[in-house]
């Protein structure tokens, strides 16, 4: 059997190339590789057989079915290296998968395809530093993360935006949220938060409305000035945008194009 280390193609991260050098190595080495009548390793483009079996190894928590569902290659189909390369890209889209490789063997005239995966490590902890207004429980509701989740850089970084958006909607326009990069190397997720003051609405002012009264425009928006006990007067970014659209819609309905 040929050396697995030489003939294994490995996909890591978001690699765009599938290693064209692999085929060159295979073609160069082919005359020197001892091929056994059963169980021999096949070299890339030299293979045109039918897939007799697909075996997934290295998976501990991700099921074989989950891996196979990401693949277009199927048992009974024609072995196609380009298709398998595409399959590996799809497998890597799973946050549970860190890297993946494939090997092909000849078994009684058919191709035995072996998919080897390495699962992503799991998060050790998630914590927030500097959050005085909102509890950890409340902030955890705003992020798509849980402890013991697989390490997913996209979700981890997206949570920074999710936390900031939540604070903005609650009127904290000076909020700053950052990720502790050093803790991240140890799989500890730490979000540093500087909340800043809460912005409150003192009064509503409309300008340029020569033909529509302030009262009419005020009735179109939901943002309201602060009034002790009865109204918080929170200035929310999303609500401001909804108010703007409501005013535009009102003018349109009144014939202002």
Protein backbone atom coordinates (compact mmCIF):
# COMPACT_ATOMS: atom_id res chain seq x y z
CA UNK A 1 0.00 0.00 0.00
CA UNK A 2 1.31 3.47 -0.81
CA UNK A 3 2.14 5.94 1.91
CA UNK A 4 -0.97 7.63 3.28
CA UNK A 5 1.00 10.72 4.19
CA UNK A 6 1.91 11.36 0.55
CA UNK A 7 -1.34 10.49 -1.10
CA UNK A 8 -3.79 12.05 1.33
CA UNK A 9 -5.41 15.27 0.27
CA UNK A 10 -6.27 17.51 3.19
CA UNK A 11 -8.67 20.45 3.23
CA UNK A 12 -8.21 23.01 5.97
CA UNK A 13 -10.07 26.21 6.71
CA UNK A 14 -11.55 27.84 3.63
CA UNK A 15 -8.98 26.63 1.13
CA UNK A 16 -9.95 27.50 -2.42
CA UNK A 17 -7.54 25.17 -4.14
CA UNK A 18 -7.58 21.42 -3.85
CA UNK A 19 -3.89 20.89 -4.37
CA UNK A 20 -3.25 20.38 -8.07
CA UNK A 21 0.26 19.31 -7.09
CA UNK A 22 -1.29 16.14 -5.68
CA UNK A 23 -2.06 14.82 -9.15
CA UNK A 24 1.42 15.61 -10.34
CA UNK A 25 2.90 13.73 -7.41
CA UNK A 26 0.61 10.77 -8.07
CA UNK A 27 1.45 10.60 -11.76
CA UNK A 28 5.15 10.88 -11.03
CA UNK A 29 5.13 8.22 -8.34
CA UNK A 30 2.71 5.82 -9.96
CA UNK A 31 5.37 3.67 -11.72
CA UNK A 32 7.21 3.25 -8.42
CA UNK A 33 4.24 2.41 -6.21
CA UNK A 34 3.61 -1.24 -5.56
CA UNK A 35 -0.11 -1.79 -6.16
CA UNK A 36 -1.66 -4.74 -4.46
CA UNK A 37 -4.49 -6.66 -6.06
CA UNK A 38 -6.75 -5.73 -3.14
CA UNK A 39 -6.78 -2.70 -0.87
CA UNK A 40 -4.44 -0.53 -2.94
CA UNK A 41 -4.54 3.25 -2.72
CA UNK A 42 -5.60 5.04 -5.88
CA UNK A 43 -4.06 8.18 -7.30
CA UNK A 44 -6.58 10.94 -8.05
CA UNK A 45 -7.35 11.23 -11.75
CA UNK A 46 -6.35 7.66 -12.49
CA UNK A 47 -9.59 6.51 -10.87
CA UNK A 48 -12.77 6.11 -12.93
CA UNK A 49 -14.52 3.33 -11.05
CA UNK A 50 -17.79 2.95 -9.24
CA UNK A 51 -17.93 3.88 -5.56
CA UNK A 52 -18.50 0.65 -3.65
CA UNK A 53 -18.50 2.13 -0.17
CA UNK A 54 -18.09 5.38 1.75
CA UNK A 55 -16.58 5.19 5.21
CA UNK A 56 -16.38 8.13 7.63
CA UNK A 57 -13.69 8.02 10.32
CA UNK A 58 -12.60 10.43 13.05
CA UNK A 59 -16.11 11.56 13.94
CA UNK A 60 -17.01 11.44 17.61
CA UNK A 61 -20.08 13.64 18.03
CA UNK A 62 -21.05 14.32 14.40
CA UNK A 63 -22.90 11.38 12.89
CA UNK A 64 -21.92 9.67 9.65
CA UNK A 65 -25.32 10.56 8.19
CA UNK A 66 -24.69 14.27 8.85
CA UNK A 67 -21.41 14.05 6.96
CA UNK A 68 -22.88 12.05 4.06
CA UNK A 69 -25.76 14.54 3.72
CA UNK A 70 -23.22 17.24 2.82
CA UNK A 71 -21.89 15.11 -0.05
CA UNK A 72 -23.05 14.67 -3.61
CA UNK A 73 -20.93 11.53 -4.02
CA UNK A 74 -22.90 8.37 -3.27
CA UNK A 75 -22.35 4.64 -3.09
CA UNK A 76 -23.04 3.22 -6.53
CA UNK A 77 -22.11 6.48 -8.27
CA UNK A 78 -19.05 7.16 -10.41
CA UNK A 79 -15.92 8.22 -8.57
CA UNK A 80 -15.36 11.88 -9.52
CA UNK A 81 -12.48 13.73 -7.93
CA UNK A 82 -13.92 17.17 -8.66
CA UNK A 83 -17.19 16.19 -7.05
CA UNK A 84 -15.38 14.90 -3.97
CA UNK A 85 -13.42 18.15 -3.76
CA UNK A 86 -16.75 20.00 -3.73
CA UNK A 87 -18.05 17.55 -1.12
CA UNK A 88 -15.16 18.43 1.19
CA UNK A 89 -15.92 22.13 0.90
CA UNK A 90 -19.52 21.44 1.90
CA UNK A 91 -18.44 19.33 4.86
CA UNK A 92 -16.19 22.14 6.05
CA UNK A 93 -19.22 24.46 6.21
CA UNK A 94 -20.35 22.52 9.28
CA UNK A 95 -19.15 24.43 12.37
CA UNK A 96 -18.44 21.08 14.02
CA UNK A 97 -15.75 20.24 11.46
CA UNK A 98 -12.22 21.67 11.68
CA UNK A 99 -10.62 19.84 8.76
CA UNK A 100 -11.32 16.93 6.42
CA UNK A 101 -9.41 14.65 4.05
CA UNK A 102 -10.16 11.73 1.74
CA UNK A 103 -8.49 8.54 0.56
CA UNK A 104 -9.54 6.12 -2.15
CA UNK A 105 -8.79 2.38 -2.29
CA UNK A 106 -9.50 -0.39 -4.76
CA UNK A 107 -11.67 -3.10 -3.24
CA UNK A 108 -12.67 -5.90 -5.59
CA UNK A 109 -12.82 -3.63 -8.61
CA UNK A 110 -14.74 -0.83 -6.91
CA UNK A 111 -13.64 2.34 -5.17
CA UNK A 112 -13.69 2.37 -1.39
CA UNK A 113 -13.89 6.04 -0.39
CA UNK A 114 -12.69 6.99 3.08
CA UNK A 115 -13.55 10.39 4.55
CA UNK A 116 -11.50 11.38 7.59
CA UNK A 117 -12.58 14.35 9.64
CA UNK A 118 -11.27 16.22 12.64
CA UNK A 119 -13.91 17.87 14.74
CA UNK A 120 -13.68 21.42 15.97
CA UNK A 121 -12.76 21.91 19.64
CA UNK A 122 -15.51 22.95 22.04
CA UNK A 123 -15.88 26.22 23.89
CA UNK A 124 -14.71 26.11 27.50
CA UNK A 125 -16.53 29.16 28.83
CA UNK A 126 -18.46 32.30 27.86
CA UNK A 127 -18.27 35.41 30.03
CA UNK A 128 -19.04 39.14 29.92
CA UNK A 129 -16.95 41.85 31.54
CA UNK A 130 -18.25 45.37 32.26
CA UNK A 131 -21.97 44.60 31.99
CA UNK A 132 -23.58 46.49 34.86
CA UNK A 133 -27.01 47.16 33.38
CA UNK A 134 -27.82 43.76 31.92
CA UNK A 135 -27.19 40.37 33.51
CA UNK A 136 -25.19 37.54 31.98
CA UNK A 137 -28.43 35.61 31.51
CA UNK A 138 -29.97 38.48 29.54
CA UNK A 139 -26.91 38.85 27.31
CA UNK A 140 -26.72 35.10 26.69
CA UNK A 141 -30.25 35.33 25.25
CA UNK A 142 -28.92 37.72 22.60
CA UNK A 143 -26.05 35.59 21.31
CA UNK A 144 -26.22 32.34 19.32
CA UNK A 145 -23.74 30.62 21.62
CA UNK A 146 -23.75 28.18 24.51
CA UNK A 147 -20.98 26.69 26.53
CA UNK A 148 -19.85 23.33 25.13
CA UNK A 149 -20.78 24.51 21.61
CA UNK A 150 -18.26 23.77 18.91
CA UNK A 151 -15.72 26.52 18.35
CA UNK A 152 -17.27 28.57 15.55
CA UNK A 153 -15.32 31.78 14.76
CA UNK A 154 -18.22 33.20 12.75
CA UNK A 155 -20.76 32.90 15.57
CA UNK A 156 -18.26 34.09 18.16
CA UNK A 157 -17.53 37.29 16.22
CA UNK A 158 -21.15 37.79 15.20
CA UNK A 159 -22.07 37.87 18.90
CA UNK A 160 -20.11 41.14 19.21
CA UNK A 161 -22.58 42.77 16.78
CA UNK A 162 -25.57 41.09 18.43
CA UNK A 163 -24.62 42.44 21.87
CA UNK A 164 -23.98 45.93 20.50
CA UNK A 165 -27.31 45.95 18.63
CA UNK A 166 -29.14 45.00 21.82
CA UNK A 167 -27.55 47.87 23.75
CA UNK A 168 -28.35 50.34 20.96
CA UNK A 169 -32.00 49.32 21.02
CA UNK A 170 -32.02 49.98 24.75
CA UNK A 171 -30.68 53.49 24.22
CA UNK A 172 -26.96 52.97 24.94
CA UNK A 173 -25.55 54.72 21.87
CA UNK A 174 -22.01 54.94 23.26
CA UNK A 175 -21.66 51.22 23.92
CA UNK A 176 -18.45 49.47 22.97
CA UNK A 177 -18.12 45.67 22.68
CA UNK A 178 -14.89 43.79 21.98
CA UNK A 179 -13.63 40.21 22.06
CA UNK A 180 -10.68 39.19 24.22
CA UNK A 181 -8.37 37.70 21.59
CA UNK A 182 -5.90 36.29 24.12
CA UNK A 183 -8.58 34.37 26.02
CA UNK A 184 -9.88 33.13 22.67
CA UNK A 185 -6.68 31.15 22.11
CA UNK A 186 -7.61 29.09 25.18
CA UNK A 187 -11.19 28.62 23.91
CA UNK A 188 -12.48 30.97 26.61
CA UNK A 189 -14.90 33.51 25.14
CA UNK A 190 -14.76 36.88 26.92
CA UNK A 191 -16.74 39.90 25.74
CA UNK A 192 -15.55 43.24 27.11
CA UNK A 193 -18.37 45.78 27.36
CA UNK A 194 -18.22 49.52 28.02
CA UNK A 195 -21.88 50.46 28.37
CA UNK A 196 -21.75 54.25 28.52
CA UNK A 197 -24.74 56.47 29.39
CA UNK A 198 -28.27 55.77 28.27
CA UNK A 199 -29.66 58.30 25.81
CA UNK A 200 -33.17 59.57 26.54
CA UNK A 201 -35.53 61.59 24.35
CA UNK A 202 -36.33 65.01 25.81
CA UNK A 203 -38.62 66.22 23.03
CA UNK A 204 -39.61 65.56 19.44
CA UNK A 205 -38.81 68.21 16.84
CA UNK A 206 -39.96 68.13 13.20
CA UNK A 207 -38.49 70.50 10.63
CA UNK A 208 -39.48 71.26 7.04
CA UNK A 209 -43.12 70.26 7.57
CA UNK A 210 -44.85 73.29 6.06
CA UNK A 211 -48.06 71.52 5.02
CA UNK A 212 -48.43 68.85 7.69
CA UNK A 213 -48.76 69.74 11.36
CA UNK A 214 -46.46 68.55 14.12
CA UNK A 215 -49.42 66.80 15.75
CA UNK A 216 -50.13 64.76 12.61
CA UNK A 217 -46.50 63.69 12.31
CA UNK A 218 -46.22 62.91 16.00
CA UNK A 219 -49.16 60.52 15.69
CA UNK A 220 -47.22 58.52 13.07
CA UNK A 221 -44.21 57.73 15.26
CA UNK A 222 -43.79 55.58 18.36
CA UNK A 223 -40.75 57.32 19.83
CA UNK A 224 -41.88 59.42 22.80
CA UNK A 225 -40.09 61.89 25.09
CA UNK A 226 -39.06 60.84 28.57
CA UNK A 227 -41.63 61.37 31.32
CA UNK A 228 -40.86 60.24 34.90
CA UNK A 229 -42.48 56.93 35.88
CA UNK A 230 -44.80 56.81 32.86
CA UNK A 231 -42.39 56.87 29.90
CA UNK A 232 -38.78 55.76 29.66
CA UNK A 233 -38.12 57.90 26.62
CA UNK A 234 -35.65 55.38 25.22
CA UNK A 235 -33.95 56.33 21.95
CA UNK A 236 -33.75 53.12 19.92
CA UNK A 237 -31.92 52.88 16.58
CA UNK A 238 -34.38 50.42 15.06
CA UNK A 239 -37.41 52.38 16.29
CA UNK A 240 -36.02 55.57 14.77
CA UNK A 241 -35.79 53.84 11.39
CA UNK A 242 -39.35 52.54 11.73
CA UNK A 243 -40.54 56.06 12.60
CA UNK A 244 -38.78 57.47 9.53
CA UNK A 245 -40.48 54.92 7.30
CA UNK A 246 -43.84 55.63 8.93
CA UNK A 247 -43.53 59.36 8.19
CA UNK A 248 -42.48 58.66 4.59
CA UNK A 249 -45.45 56.34 4.15
CA UNK A 250 -47.82 58.95 5.59
CA UNK A 251 -46.62 61.62 3.16
CA UNK A 252 -46.96 59.18 0.27
CA UNK A 253 -50.53 58.32 1.27
CA UNK A 254 -51.33 62.05 1.35
CA UNK A 255 -50.19 62.42 -2.24
CA UNK A 256 -46.69 63.78 -1.63
CA UNK A 257 -44.47 61.98 -4.14
